[in-house]
Amino acid sequence: FRRLDVGFALPKGSDLAPALRQAVDRLISDGTYQRILRRWGVE
C-alpha cells in the first residue's frame, strides 16, 4: 500500500544519532548488513 523508511527511534536531539548512523553505513559497506537481510529473506 505504501513504503516507509524504518529506523532506530531516538530521543529528539540525541547525541547518539551520528554514531549510530555511521555504524549502519559501515555495516552496509562491509557486507554485514546484506548478510542480515539475507538471513531473514528481506533483501
Full PDB file with SEQRES, HELIX, SHEET, SSBOND, CRYST1, ORIGX, SCALE, CONECT and MASTER records, all heavy atoms in Angstrom:
SEQRES   1 A   43  PHE ARG ARG LEU ASP VAL GLY PHE ALA LEU PRO LYS GLY          
SEQRES   2 A   43  SER ASP LEU ALA PRO ALA LEU ARG GLN ALA VAL ASP ARG          
SEQRES   3 A   43  LEU ILE SER ASP GLY THR TYR GLN ARG ILE LEU ARG ARG          
SEQRES   4 A   43  TRP GLY VAL GLU                                              
HELIX    1 AA1 ALA A   17  ASP A   30  1                                  14    
HELIX    2 AA2 THR A   32  ARG A   39  1                                   8    
CRYST1    1.000    1.000    1.000  90.00  90.00  90.00 P 1           1          
ORIGX1      1.000000  0.000000  0.000000        0.00000                         
ORIGX2      0.000000  1.000000  0.000000        0.00000                         
ORIGX3      0.000000  0.000000  1.000000        0.00000                         
SCALE1      1.000000  0.000000  0.000000        0.00000                         
SCALE2      0.000000  1.000000  0.000000        0.00000                         
SCALE3      0.000000  0.000000  1.000000        0.00000                         
ATOM      1  N   PHE A   1       0.830  -1.203   0.000  1.00  0.00           N  
ATOM      2  CA  PHE A   1       0.000   0.000   0.000  1.00  0.00           C  
ATOM      3  C   PHE A   1       0.870   1.261   0.000  1.00  0.00           C  
ATOM      4  O   PHE A   1       0.646   2.192  -0.761  1.00  0.00           O  
ATOM      5  CB  PHE A   1      -0.922  -0.004   1.217  1.00  0.00           C  
ATOM      6  CG  PHE A   1      -1.852   1.171   1.286  1.00  0.00           C  
ATOM      7  CD1 PHE A   1      -2.908   1.285   0.393  1.00  0.00           C  
ATOM      8  CD2 PHE A   1      -1.676   2.174   2.230  1.00  0.00           C  
ATOM      9  CE1 PHE A   1      -3.773   2.377   0.439  1.00  0.00           C  
ATOM     10  CE2 PHE A   1      -2.531   3.261   2.297  1.00  0.00           C  
ATOM     11  CZ  PHE A   1      -3.581   3.363   1.391  1.00  0.00           C  
ATOM     12  N   ARG A   2       1.887   1.286   0.879  1.00  0.00           N  
ATOM     13  CA  ARG A   2       2.781   2.441   0.946  1.00  0.00           C  
ATOM     14  C   ARG A   2       4.105   2.034   1.550  1.00  0.00           C  
ATOM     15  O   ARG A   2       4.146   1.290   2.526  1.00  0.00           O  
ATOM     16  CB  ARG A   2       2.153   3.556   1.792  1.00  0.00           C  
ATOM     17  CG  ARG A   2       2.989   4.822   1.882  1.00  0.00           C  
ATOM     18  CD  ARG A   2       2.188   5.979   2.442  1.00  0.00           C  
ATOM     19  NE  ARG A   2       1.934   5.855   3.857  1.00  0.00           N  
ATOM     20  CZ  ARG A   2       2.356   6.754   4.772  1.00  0.00           C  
ATOM     21  NH1 ARG A   2       3.054   7.804   4.401  1.00  0.00           N  
ATOM     22  NH2 ARG A   2       2.054   6.600   6.037  1.00  0.00           N  
ATOM     23  N   ARG A   3       5.192   2.520   0.982  1.00  0.00           N  
ATOM     24  CA  ARG A   3       6.525   2.264   1.506  1.00  0.00           C  
ATOM     25  C   ARG A   3       6.891   3.318   2.550  1.00  0.00           C  
ATOM     26  O   ARG A   3       6.512   4.483   2.443  1.00  0.00           O  
ATOM     27  CB  ARG A   3       7.559   2.275   0.381  1.00  0.00           C  
ATOM     28  CG  ARG A   3       7.611   0.972  -0.415  1.00  0.00           C  
ATOM     29  CD  ARG A   3       8.477  -0.050   0.285  1.00  0.00           C  
ATOM     30  NE  ARG A   3       8.430  -1.368  -0.342  1.00  0.00           N  
ATOM     31  CZ  ARG A   3       9.168  -2.396   0.092  1.00  0.00           C  
ATOM     32  NH1 ARG A   3       9.978  -2.248   1.127  1.00  0.00           N  
ATOM     33  NH2 ARG A   3       9.081  -3.560  -0.493  1.00  0.00           N  
ATOM     34  N   LEU A   4       7.653   2.892   3.566  1.00  0.00           N  
ATOM     35  CA  LEU A   4       8.153   3.799   4.596  1.00  0.00           C  
ATOM     36  C   LEU A   4       9.575   3.396   4.963  1.00  0.00           C  
ATOM     37  O   LEU A   4       9.899   2.199   5.028  1.00  0.00           O  
ATOM     38  CB  LEU A   4       7.298   3.737   5.860  1.00  0.00           C  
ATOM     39  CG  LEU A   4       5.959   4.461   5.876  1.00  0.00           C  
ATOM     40  CD1 LEU A   4       5.200   4.125   7.151  1.00  0.00           C  
ATOM     41  CD2 LEU A   4       6.164   5.969   5.781  1.00  0.00           C  
ATOM     42  N   ASP A   5      10.425   4.394   5.203  1.00  0.00           N  
ATOM     43  CA  ASP A   5      11.722   4.095   5.801  1.00  0.00           C  
ATOM     44  C   ASP A   5      11.493   3.714   7.255  1.00  0.00           C  
ATOM     45  O   ASP A   5      10.601   4.238   7.927  1.00  0.00           O  
ATOM     46  CB  ASP A   5      12.642   5.314   5.717  1.00  0.00           C  
ATOM     47  CG  ASP A   5      13.095   5.599   4.299  1.00  0.00           C  
ATOM     48  OD1 ASP A   5      13.477   4.642   3.596  1.00  0.00           O  
ATOM     49  OD2 ASP A   5      13.087   6.776   3.887  1.00  0.00           O  
ATOM     50  N   VAL A   6      12.324   2.801   7.733  1.00  0.00           N  
ATOM     51  CA  VAL A   6      12.240   2.322   9.111  1.00  0.00           C  
ATOM     52  C   VAL A   6      13.565   2.628   9.795  1.00  0.00           C  
ATOM     53  O   VAL A   6      14.636   2.454   9.198  1.00  0.00           O  
ATOM     54  CB  VAL A   6      11.943   0.816   9.143  1.00  0.00           C  
ATOM     55  CG1 VAL A   6      12.111   0.243  10.551  1.00  0.00           C  
ATOM     56  CG2 VAL A   6      10.538   0.538   8.619  1.00  0.00           C  
ATOM     57  N   GLY A   7      13.505   3.067  11.043  1.00  0.00           N  
ATOM     58  CA  GLY A   7      14.751   3.431  11.701  1.00  0.00           C  
ATOM     59  C   GLY A   7      14.766   3.164  13.191  1.00  0.00           C  
ATOM     60  O   GLY A   7      13.739   2.868  13.814  1.00  0.00           O  
ATOM     61  N   PHE A   8      15.979   3.273  13.748  1.00  0.00           N  
ATOM     62  CA  PHE A   8      16.104   3.329  15.197  1.00  0.00           C  
ATOM     63  C   PHE A   8      15.424   4.603  15.667  1.00  0.00           C  
ATOM     64  O   PHE A   8      15.628   5.670  15.094  1.00  0.00           O  
ATOM     65  CB  PHE A   8      17.579   3.387  15.607  1.00  0.00           C  
ATOM     66  CG  PHE A   8      18.362   2.154  15.292  1.00  0.00           C  
ATOM     67  CD1 PHE A   8      19.226   2.121  14.214  1.00  0.00           C  
ATOM     68  CD2 PHE A   8      18.238   1.027  16.086  1.00  0.00           C  
ATOM     69  CE1 PHE A   8      19.958   0.986  13.920  1.00  0.00           C  
ATOM     70  CE2 PHE A   8      18.963  -0.121  15.804  1.00  0.00           C  
ATOM     71  CZ  PHE A   8      19.833  -0.146  14.712  1.00  0.00           C  
ATOM     72  N   ALA A   9      14.627   4.501  16.694  1.00  0.00           N  
ATOM     73  CA  ALA A   9      13.997   5.676  17.291  1.00  0.00           C  
ATOM     74  C   ALA A   9      14.880   6.168  18.433  1.00  0.00           C  
ATOM     75  O   ALA A   9      15.346   5.374  19.261  1.00  0.00           O  
ATOM     76  CB  ALA A   9      12.613   5.324  17.807  1.00  0.00           C  
ATOM     77  N   LEU A  10      15.114   7.490  18.466  1.00  0.00           N  
ATOM     78  CA  LEU A  10      15.982   8.098  19.466  1.00  0.00           C  
ATOM     79  C   LEU A  10      15.289   9.317  20.067  1.00  0.00           C  
ATOM     80  O   LEU A  10      14.450   9.943  19.407  1.00  0.00           O  
ATOM     81  CB  LEU A  10      17.303   8.547  18.836  1.00  0.00           C  
ATOM     82  CG  LEU A  10      18.110   7.511  18.054  1.00  0.00           C  
ATOM     83  CD1 LEU A  10      19.208   8.192  17.266  1.00  0.00           C  
ATOM     84  CD2 LEU A  10      18.709   6.488  19.003  1.00  0.00           C  
ATOM     85  N   PRO A  11      15.649   9.688  21.289  1.00  0.00           N  
ATOM     86  CA  PRO A  11      15.105  10.935  21.831  1.00  0.00           C  
ATOM     87  C   PRO A  11      15.467  12.102  20.905  1.00  0.00           C  
ATOM     88  O   PRO A  11      16.541  12.110  20.287  1.00  0.00           O  
ATOM     89  CB  PRO A  11      15.806  11.064  23.186  1.00  0.00           C  
ATOM     90  CG  PRO A  11      16.213   9.669  23.545  1.00  0.00           C  
ATOM     91  CD  PRO A  11      16.534   9.000  22.244  1.00  0.00           C  
ATOM     92  N   LYS A  12      14.608  13.076  20.800  1.00  0.00           N  
ATOM     93  CA  LYS A  12      14.855  14.215  19.919  1.00  0.00           C  
ATOM     94  C   LYS A  12      16.156  14.916  20.308  1.00  0.00           C  
ATOM     95  O   LYS A  12      16.381  15.233  21.475  1.00  0.00           O  
ATOM     96  CB  LYS A  12      13.689  15.206  20.000  1.00  0.00           C  
ATOM     97  CG  LYS A  12      13.662  16.204  18.851  1.00  0.00           C  
ATOM     98  CD  LYS A  12      13.348  15.507  17.536  1.00  0.00           C  
ATOM     99  CE  LYS A  12      13.356  16.458  16.363  1.00  0.00           C  
ATOM    100  NZ  LYS A  12      13.168  15.742  15.090  1.00  0.00           N  
ATOM    101  N   GLY A  13      17.012  15.136  19.293  1.00  0.00           N  
ATOM    102  CA  GLY A  13      18.286  15.797  19.532  1.00  0.00           C  
ATOM    103  C   GLY A  13      19.349  14.895  20.127  1.00  0.00           C  
ATOM    104  O   GLY A  13      20.377  15.376  20.608  1.00  0.00           O  
ATOM    105  N   SER A  14      19.153  13.581  20.081  1.00  0.00           N  
ATOM    106  CA  SER A  14      20.098  12.643  20.686  1.00  0.00           C  
ATOM    107  C   SER A  14      21.499  12.787  20.099  1.00  0.00           C  
ATOM    108  O   SER A  14      21.680  12.816  18.875  1.00  0.00           O  
ATOM    109  CB  SER A  14      19.616  11.201  20.484  1.00  0.00           C  
ATOM    110  OG  SER A  14      20.604  10.279  20.897  1.00  0.00           O  
ATOM    111  N   ASP A  15      22.497  12.847  20.989  1.00  0.00           N  
ATOM    112  CA  ASP A  15      23.890  12.920  20.541  1.00  0.00           C  
ATOM    113  C   ASP A  15      24.419  11.562  20.097  1.00  0.00           C  
ATOM    114  O   ASP A  15      25.566  11.450  19.643  1.00  0.00           O  
ATOM    115  CB  ASP A  15      24.783  13.515  21.632  1.00  0.00           C  
ATOM    116  CG  ASP A  15      24.641  12.805  22.980  1.00  0.00           C  
ATOM    117  OD1 ASP A  15      23.853  11.835  23.075  1.00  0.00           O  
ATOM    118  OD2 ASP A  15      25.306  13.234  23.942  1.00  0.00           O  
ATOM    119  N   LEU A  16      23.602  10.535  20.202  1.00  0.00           N  
ATOM    120  CA  LEU A  16      23.990   9.206  19.723  1.00  0.00           C  
ATOM    121  C   LEU A  16      23.729   9.037  18.230  1.00  0.00           C  
ATOM    122  O   LEU A  16      24.328   8.177  17.586  1.00  0.00           O  
ATOM    123  CB  LEU A  16      23.213   8.133  20.508  1.00  0.00           C  
ATOM    124  CG  LEU A  16      23.371   6.680  20.088  1.00  0.00           C  
ATOM    125  CD1 LEU A  16      24.819   6.215  20.220  1.00  0.00           C  
ATOM    126  CD2 LEU A  16      22.445   5.779  20.923  1.00  0.00           C  
ATOM    127  N   ALA A  17      22.852   9.858  17.658  1.00  0.00           N  
ATOM    128  CA  ALA A  17      22.418   9.671  16.273  1.00  0.00           C  
ATOM    129  C   ALA A  17      23.570   9.633  15.268  1.00  0.00           C  
ATOM    130  O   ALA A  17      23.611   8.732  14.408  1.00  0.00           O  
ATOM    131  CB  ALA A  17      21.407  10.758  15.888  1.00  0.00           C  
ATOM    132  N   PRO A  18      24.547  10.540  15.293  1.00  0.00           N  
ATOM    133  CA  PRO A  18      25.627  10.490  14.296  1.00  0.00           C  
ATOM    134  C   PRO A  18      26.430   9.191  14.351  1.00  0.00           C  
ATOM    135  O   PRO A  18      26.772   8.619  13.312  1.00  0.00           O  
ATOM    136  CB  PRO A  18      26.495  11.704  14.664  1.00  0.00           C  
ATOM    137  CG  PRO A  18      25.571  12.636  15.365  1.00  0.00           C  
ATOM    138  CD  PRO A  18      24.658  11.750  16.152  1.00  0.00           C  
ATOM    139  N   ALA A  19      26.726   8.715  15.561  1.00  0.00           N  
ATOM    140  CA  ALA A  19      27.487   7.472  15.697  1.00  0.00           C  
ATOM    141  C   ALA A  19      26.686   6.286  15.171  1.00  0.00           C  
ATOM    142  O   ALA A  19      27.224   5.413  14.457  1.00  0.00           O  
ATOM    143  CB  ALA A  19      27.853   7.247  17.162  1.00  0.00           C  
ATOM    144  N   LEU A  20      25.414   6.246  15.504  1.00  0.00           N  
ATOM    145  CA  LEU A  20      24.582   5.127  15.075  1.00  0.00           C  
ATOM    146  C   LEU A  20      24.410   5.125  13.561  1.00  0.00           C  
ATOM    147  O   LEU A  20      24.451   4.063  12.920  1.00  0.00           O  
ATOM    148  CB  LEU A  20      23.228   5.222  15.777  1.00  0.00           C  
ATOM    149  CG  LEU A  20      22.343   3.978  15.764  1.00  0.00           C  
ATOM    150  CD1 LEU A  20      23.087   2.770  16.308  1.00  0.00           C  
ATOM    151  CD2 LEU A  20      21.085   4.236  16.591  1.00  0.00           C  
ATOM    152  N   ARG A  21      24.246   6.303  12.969  1.00  0.00           N  
ATOM    153  CA  ARG A  21      24.101   6.374  11.511  1.00  0.00           C  
ATOM    154  C   ARG A  21      25.377   5.882  10.822  1.00  0.00           C  
ATOM    155  O   ARG A  21      25.311   5.114   9.854  1.00  0.00           O  
ATOM    156  CB  ARG A  21      23.796   7.807  11.078  1.00  0.00           C  
ATOM    157  CG  ARG A  21      23.515   7.935   9.584  1.00  0.00           C  
ATOM    158  CD  ARG A  21      23.283   9.366   9.178  1.00  0.00           C  
ATOM    159  NE  ARG A  21      24.458  10.191   9.423  1.00  0.00           N  
ATOM    160  CZ  ARG A  21      25.535  10.204   8.624  1.00  0.00           C  
ATOM    161  NH1 ARG A  21      25.591   9.428   7.555  1.00  0.00           N  
ATOM    162  NH2 ARG A  21      26.555  10.981   8.908  1.00  0.00           N  
ATOM    163  N   GLN A  22      26.525   6.300  11.310  1.00  0.00           N  
ATOM    164  CA  GLN A  22      27.772   5.849  10.690  1.00  0.00           C  
ATOM    165  C   GLN A  22      28.001   4.358  10.902  1.00  0.00           C  
ATOM    166  O   GLN A  22      28.588   3.682  10.047  1.00  0.00           O  
ATOM    167  CB  GLN A  22      28.943   6.662  11.224  1.00  0.00           C  
ATOM    168  CG  GLN A  22      28.937   8.103  10.741  1.00  0.00           C  
ATOM    169  CD  GLN A  22      30.287   8.781  10.853  1.00  0.00           C  
ATOM    170  OE1 GLN A  22      31.322   8.173  10.600  1.00  0.00           O  
ATOM    171  NE2 GLN A  22      30.282  10.048  11.246  1.00  0.00           N  
ATOM    172  N   ALA A  23      27.531   3.832  12.023  1.00  0.00           N  
ATOM    173  CA  ALA A  23      27.655   2.394  12.258  1.00  0.00           C  
ATOM    174  C   ALA A  23      26.823   1.606  11.250  1.00  0.00           C  
ATOM    175  O   ALA A  23      27.278   0.588  10.703  1.00  0.00           O  
ATOM    176  CB  ALA A  23      27.223   2.057  13.683  1.00  0.00           C  
ATOM    177  N   VAL A  24      25.602   2.063  10.978  1.00  0.00           N  
ATOM    178  CA  VAL A  24      24.769   1.386   9.972  1.00  0.00           C  
ATOM    179  C   VAL A  24      25.439   1.470   8.601  1.00  0.00           C  
ATOM    180  O   VAL A  24      25.484   0.478   7.858  1.00  0.00           O  
ATOM    181  CB  VAL A  24      23.357   1.995   9.930  1.00  0.00           C  
ATOM    182  CG1 VAL A  24      22.542   1.369   8.788  1.00  0.00           C  
ATOM    183  CG2 VAL A  24      22.635   1.784  11.260  1.00  0.00           C  
ATOM    184  N   ASP A  25      25.987   2.629   8.262  1.00  0.00           N  
ATOM    185  CA  ASP A  25      26.682   2.768   6.981  1.00  0.00           C  
ATOM    186  C   ASP A  25      27.860   1.806   6.885  1.00  0.00           C  
ATOM    187  O   ASP A  25      28.129   1.237   5.819  1.00  0.00           O  
ATOM    188  CB  ASP A  25      27.159   4.206   6.784  1.00  0.00           C  
ATOM    189  CG  ASP A  25      26.059   5.135   6.306  1.00  0.00           C  
ATOM    190  OD1 ASP A  25      24.997   4.634   5.879  1.00  0.00           O  
ATOM    191  OD2 ASP A  25      26.258   6.364   6.352  1.00  0.00           O  
ATOM    192  N   ARG A  26      28.581   1.620   7.985  1.00  0.00           N  
ATOM    193  CA  ARG A  26      29.712   0.681   7.961  1.00  0.00           C  
ATOM    194  C   ARG A  26      29.218  -0.753   7.749  1.00  0.00           C  
ATOM    195  O   ARG A  26      29.834  -1.522   6.996  1.00  0.00           O  
ATOM    196  CB  ARG A  26      30.496   0.789   9.266  1.00  0.00           C  
ATOM    197  CG  ARG A  26      31.679  -0.194   9.357  1.00  0.00           C  
ATOM    198  CD  ARG A  26      32.734   0.080   8.290  1.00  0.00           C  
ATOM    199  NE  ARG A  26      33.215   1.432   8.414  1.00  0.00           N  
ATOM    200  CZ  ARG A  26      34.161   1.821   9.262  1.00  0.00           C  
ATOM    201  NH1 ARG A  26      34.728   0.933  10.078  1.00  0.00           N  
ATOM    202  NH2 ARG A  26      34.561   3.076   9.292  1.00  0.00           N  
ATOM    203  N   LEU A  27      28.113  -1.106   8.390  1.00  0.00           N  
ATOM    204  CA  LEU A  27      27.559  -2.450   8.189  1.00  0.00           C  
ATOM    205  C   LEU A  27      27.156  -2.657   6.732  1.00  0.00           C  
ATOM    206  O   LEU A  27      27.306  -3.759   6.191  1.00  0.00           O  
ATOM    207  CB  LEU A  27      26.335  -2.652   9.098  1.00  0.00           C  
ATOM    208  CG  LEU A  27      26.588  -2.652  10.602  1.00  0.00           C  
ATOM    209  CD1 LEU A  27      25.274  -2.717  11.360  1.00  0.00           C  
ATOM    210  CD2 LEU A  27      27.506  -3.803  11.010  1.00  0.00           C  
ATOM    211  N   ILE A  28      26.651  -1.592   6.098  1.00  0.00           N  
ATOM    212  CA  ILE A  28      26.284  -1.679   4.681  1.00  0.00           C  
ATOM    213  C   ILE A  28      27.528  -1.856   3.825  1.00  0.00           C  
ATOM    214  O   ILE A  28      27.574  -2.716   2.932  1.00  0.00           O  
ATOM    215  CB  ILE A  28      25.493  -0.423   4.256  1.00  0.00           C  
ATOM    216  CG1 ILE A  28      24.126  -0.397   4.939  1.00  0.00           C  
ATOM    217  CG2 ILE A  28      25.310  -0.386   2.734  1.00  0.00           C  
ATOM    218  CD1 ILE A  28      23.362   0.907   4.736  1.00  0.00           C  
ATOM    219  N   SER A  29      28.551  -1.082   4.090  1.00  0.00           N  
ATOM    220  CA  SER A  29      29.749  -1.100   3.241  1.00  0.00           C  
ATOM    221  C   SER A  29      30.570  -2.370   3.394  1.00  0.00           C  
ATOM    222  O   SER A  29      31.216  -2.816   2.441  1.00  0.00           O  
ATOM    223  CB  SER A  29      30.629   0.124   3.524  1.00  0.00           C  
ATOM    224  OG  SER A  29      31.149   0.084   4.846  1.00  0.00           O  
ATOM    225  N   ASP A  30      30.534  -2.985   4.592  1.00  0.00           N  
ATOM    226  CA  ASP A  30      31.365  -4.184   4.771  1.00  0.00           C  
ATOM    227  C   ASP A  30      30.617  -5.489   4.504  1.00  0.00           C  
ATOM    228  O   ASP A  30      31.180  -6.577   4.629  1.00  0.00           O  
ATOM    229  CB  ASP A  30      32.010  -4.202   6.162  1.00  0.00           C  
ATOM    230  CG  ASP A  30      31.030  -4.456   7.310  1.00  0.00           C  
ATOM    231  OD1 ASP A  30      29.899  -4.901   7.068  1.00  0.00           O  
ATOM    232  OD2 ASP A  30      31.426  -4.207   8.475  1.00  0.00           O  
ATOM    233  N   GLY A  31      29.343  -5.405   4.133  1.00  0.00           N  
ATOM    234  CA  GLY A  31      28.585  -6.595   3.757  1.00  0.00           C  
ATOM    235  C   GLY A  31      27.805  -7.254   4.878  1.00  0.00           C  
ATOM    236  O   GLY A  31      26.985  -8.155   4.620  1.00  0.00           O  
ATOM    237  N   THR A  32      28.028  -6.825   6.122  1.00  0.00           N  
ATOM    238  CA  THR A  32      27.299  -7.415   7.245  1.00  0.00           C  
ATOM    239  C   THR A  32      25.794  -7.173   7.114  1.00  0.00           C  
ATOM    240  O   THR A  32      24.973  -8.066   7.387  1.00  0.00           O  
ATOM    241  CB  THR A  32      27.796  -6.824   8.575  1.00  0.00           C  
ATOM    242  OG1 THR A  32      29.202  -7.050   8.689  1.00  0.00           O  
ATOM    243  CG2 THR A  32      27.080  -7.469   9.755  1.00  0.00           C  
ATOM    244  N   TYR A  33      25.449  -5.984   6.699  1.00  0.00           N  
ATOM    245  CA  TYR A  33      24.038  -5.608   6.523  1.00  0.00           C  
ATOM    246  C   TYR A  33      23.342  -6.539   5.536  1.00  0.00           C  
ATOM    247  O   TYR A  33      22.233  -7.037   5.794  1.00  0.00           O  
ATOM    248  CB  TYR A  33      23.988  -4.160   6.042  1.00  0.00           C  
ATOM    249  CG  TYR A  33      22.624  -3.611   5.709  1.00  0.00           C  
ATOM    250  CD1 TYR A  33      21.733  -3.237   6.715  1.00  0.00           C  
ATOM    251  CD2 TYR A  33      22.235  -3.418   4.382  1.00  0.00           C  
ATOM    252  CE1 TYR A  33      20.500  -2.688   6.405  1.00  0.00           C  
ATOM    253  CE2 TYR A  33      21.007  -2.871   4.069  1.00  0.00           C  
ATOM    254  CZ  TYR A  33      20.137  -2.513   5.080  1.00  0.00           C  
ATOM    255  OH  TYR A  33      18.914  -1.975   4.762  1.00  0.00           O  
ATOM    256  N   GLN A  34      24.006  -6.803   4.414  1.00  0.00           N  
ATOM    257  CA  GLN A  34      23.409  -7.678   3.402  1.00  0.00           C  
ATOM    258  C   GLN A  34      23.240  -9.101   3.944  1.00  0.00           C  
ATOM    259  O   GLN A  34      22.252  -9.778   3.629  1.00  0.00           O  
ATOM    260  CB  GLN A  34      24.276  -7.676   2.140  1.00  0.00           C  
ATOM    261  CG  GLN A  34      24.237  -6.386   1.345  1.00  0.00           C  
ATOM    262  CD  GLN A  34      25.072  -5.256   1.985  1.00  0.00           C  
ATOM    263  OE1 GLN A  34      25.869  -5.507   2.889  1.00  0.00           O  
ATOM    264  NE2 GLN A  34      24.894  -4.047   1.495  1.00  0.00           N  
ATOM    265  N   ARG A  35      24.176  -9.552   4.768  1.00  0.00           N  
ATOM    266  CA  ARG A  35      24.055 -10.880   5.376  1.00  0.00           C  
ATOM    267  C   ARG A  35      22.842 -10.942   6.298  1.00  0.00           C  
ATOM    268  O   ARG A  35      22.127 -11.956   6.341  1.00  0.00           O  
ATOM    269  CB  ARG A  35      25.315 -11.220   6.164  1.00  0.00           C  
ATOM    270  CG  ARG A  35      26.541 -11.538   5.318  1.00  0.00           C  
ATOM    271  CD  ARG A  35      27.735 -11.824   6.204  1.00  0.00           C  
ATOM    272  NE  ARG A  35      27.447 -12.907   7.146  1.00  0.00           N  
ATOM    273  CZ  ARG A  35      27.926 -12.964   8.390  1.00  0.00           C  
ATOM    274  NH1 ARG A  35      28.678 -11.982   8.851  1.00  0.00           N  
ATOM    275  NH2 ARG A  35      27.642 -13.987   9.150  1.00  0.00           N  
ATOM    276  N   ILE A  36      22.607  -9.871   7.036  1.00  0.00           N  
ATOM    277  CA  ILE A  36      21.461  -9.836   7.950  1.00  0.00           C  
ATOM    278  C   ILE A  36      20.160  -9.906   7.158  1.00  0.00           C  
ATOM    279  O   ILE A  36      19.254 -10.690   7.481  1.00  0.00           O  
ATOM    280  CB  ILE A  36      21.507  -8.570   8.816  1.00  0.00           C  
ATOM    281  CG1 ILE A  36      22.679  -8.637   9.790  1.00  0.00           C  
ATOM    282  CG2 ILE A  36      20.187  -8.392   9.582  1.00  0.00           C  
ATOM    283  CD1 ILE A  36      22.931  -7.351  10.557  1.00  0.00           C  
ATOM    284  N   LEU A  37      20.049  -9.079   6.129  1.00  0.00           N  
ATOM    285  CA  LEU A  37      18.810  -9.072   5.348  1.00  0.00           C  
ATOM    286  C   LEU A  37      18.600 -10.407   4.637  1.00  0.00           C  
ATOM    287  O   LEU A  37      17.469 -10.902   4.542  1.00  0.00           O  
ATOM    288  CB  LEU A  37      18.838  -7.924   4.332  1.00  0.00           C  
ATOM    289  CG  LEU A  37      18.206  -6.606   4.818  1.00  0.00           C  
ATOM    290  CD1 LEU A  37      18.880  -6.094   6.082  1.00  0.00           C  
ATOM    291  CD2 LEU A  37      18.261  -5.547   3.731  1.00  0.00           C  
ATOM    292  N   ARG A  38      19.685 -11.005   4.171  1.00  0.00           N  
ATOM    293  CA  ARG A  38      19.570 -12.303   3.503  1.00  0.00           C  
ATOM    294  C   ARG A  38      19.137 -13.380   4.498  1.00  0.00           C  
ATOM    295  O   ARG A  38      18.356 -14.277   4.163  1.00  0.00           O  
ATOM    296  CB  ARG A  38      20.911 -12.664   2.855  1.00  0.00           C  
ATOM    297  CG  ARG A  38      20.860 -13.941   2.020  1.00  0.00           C  
ATOM    298  CD  ARG A  38      22.078 -14.061   1.117  1.00  0.00           C  
ATOM    299  NE  ARG A  38      23.337 -13.981   1.841  1.00  0.00           N  
ATOM    300  CZ  ARG A  38      24.191 -12.947   1.778  1.00  0.00           C  
ATOM    301  NH1 ARG A  38      23.917 -11.887   1.036  1.00  0.00           N  
ATOM    302  NH2 ARG A  38      25.314 -12.966   2.456  1.00  0.00           N  
ATOM    303  N   ARG A  39      19.632 -13.294   5.707  1.00  0.00           N  
ATOM    304  CA  ARG A  39      19.265 -14.263   6.743  1.00  0.00           C  
ATOM    305  C   ARG A  39      17.755 -14.304   6.954  1.00  0.00           C  
ATOM    306  O   ARG A  39      17.166 -15.359   7.165  1.00  0.00           O  
ATOM    307  CB  ARG A  39      19.964 -13.904   8.055  1.00  0.00           C  
ATOM    308  CG  ARG A  39      19.613 -14.818   9.218  1.00  0.00           C  
ATOM    309  CD  ARG A  39      20.207 -14.311  10.517  1.00  0.00           C  
ATOM    310  NE  ARG A  39      20.011 -15.282  11.582  1.00  0.00           N  
ATOM    311  CZ  ARG A  39      20.272 -15.062  12.870  1.00  0.00           C  
ATOM    312  NH1 ARG A  39      20.750 -13.897  13.243  1.00  0.00           N  
ATOM    313  NH2 ARG A  39      20.059 -16.002  13.776  1.00  0.00           N  
ATOM    314  N   TRP A  40      17.109 -13.130   6.870  1.00  0.00           N  
ATOM    315  CA  TRP A  40      15.681 -13.047   7.151  1.00  0.00           C  
ATOM    316  C   TRP A  40      14.835 -12.888   5.894  1.00  0.00           C  
ATOM    317  O   TRP A  40      13.619 -12.682   5.979  1.00  0.00           O  
ATOM    318  CB  TRP A  40      15.413 -11.898   8.125  1.00  0.00           C  
ATOM    319  CG  TRP A  40      16.162 -12.098   9.406  1.00  0.00           C  
ATOM    320  CD1 TRP A  40      17.232 -11.384   9.865  1.00  0.00           C  
ATOM    321  CD2 TRP A  40      15.932 -13.121  10.370  1.00  0.00           C  
ATOM    322  NE1 TRP A  40      17.677 -11.890  11.061  1.00  0.00           N  
ATOM    323  CE2 TRP A  40      16.892 -12.958  11.394  1.00  0.00           C  
ATOM    324  CE3 TRP A  40      15.005 -14.164  10.481  1.00  0.00           C  
ATOM    325  CZ2 TRP A  40      16.951 -13.807  12.509  1.00  0.00           C  
ATOM    326  CZ3 TRP A  40      15.068 -14.999  11.578  1.00  0.00           C  
ATOM    327  CH2 TRP A  40      16.033 -14.813  12.575  1.00  0.00           C  
ATOM    328  N   GLY A  41      15.464 -13.011   4.721  1.00  0.00           N  
ATOM    329  CA  GLY A  41      14.703 -13.013   3.476  1.00  0.00           C  
ATOM    330  C   GLY A  41      14.078 -11.691   3.101  1.00  0.00           C  
ATOM    331  O   GLY A  41      13.019 -11.660   2.468  1.00  0.00           O  
ATOM    332  N   VAL A  42      14.744 -10.572   3.452  1.00  0.00           N  
ATOM    333  CA  VAL A  42      14.162  -9.254   3.176  1.00  0.00           C  
ATOM    334  C   VAL A  42      15.120  -8.382   2.355  1.00  0.00           C  
ATOM    335  O   VAL A  42      15.130  -7.155   2.487  1.00  0.00           O  
ATOM    336  CB  VAL A  42      13.764  -8.531   4.492  1.00  0.00           C  
ATOM    337  CG1 VAL A  42      12.636  -9.274   5.174  1.00  0.00           C  
ATOM    338  CG2 VAL A  42      14.963  -8.376   5.419  1.00  0.00           C  
ATOM    339  N   GLU A  43      15.907  -9.013   1.483  1.00  0.00           N  
ATOM    340  CA  GLU A  43      16.872  -8.254   0.677  1.00  0.00           C  
ATOM    341  C   GLU A  43      16.257  -7.107  -0.118  1.00  0.00           C  
ATOM    342  O   GLU A  43      16.908  -6.056  -0.277  1.00  0.00           O  
ATOM    343  CB  GLU A  43      17.626  -9.187  -0.275  1.00  0.00           C  
ATOM    344  CG  GLU A  43      18.467 -10.262   0.386  1.00  0.00           C  
ATOM    345  CD  GLU A  43      17.747 -11.608   0.449  1.00  0.00           C  
ATOM    346  OE1 GLU A  43      16.514 -11.598   0.713  1.00  0.00           O  
ATOM    347  OE2 GLU A  43      18.402 -12.629   0.232  1.00  0.00           O  
TER     348      GLU A  43                                                      
MASTER        0    0    0    2    0    0    0    6  347    1    0    4          
END                                                                             
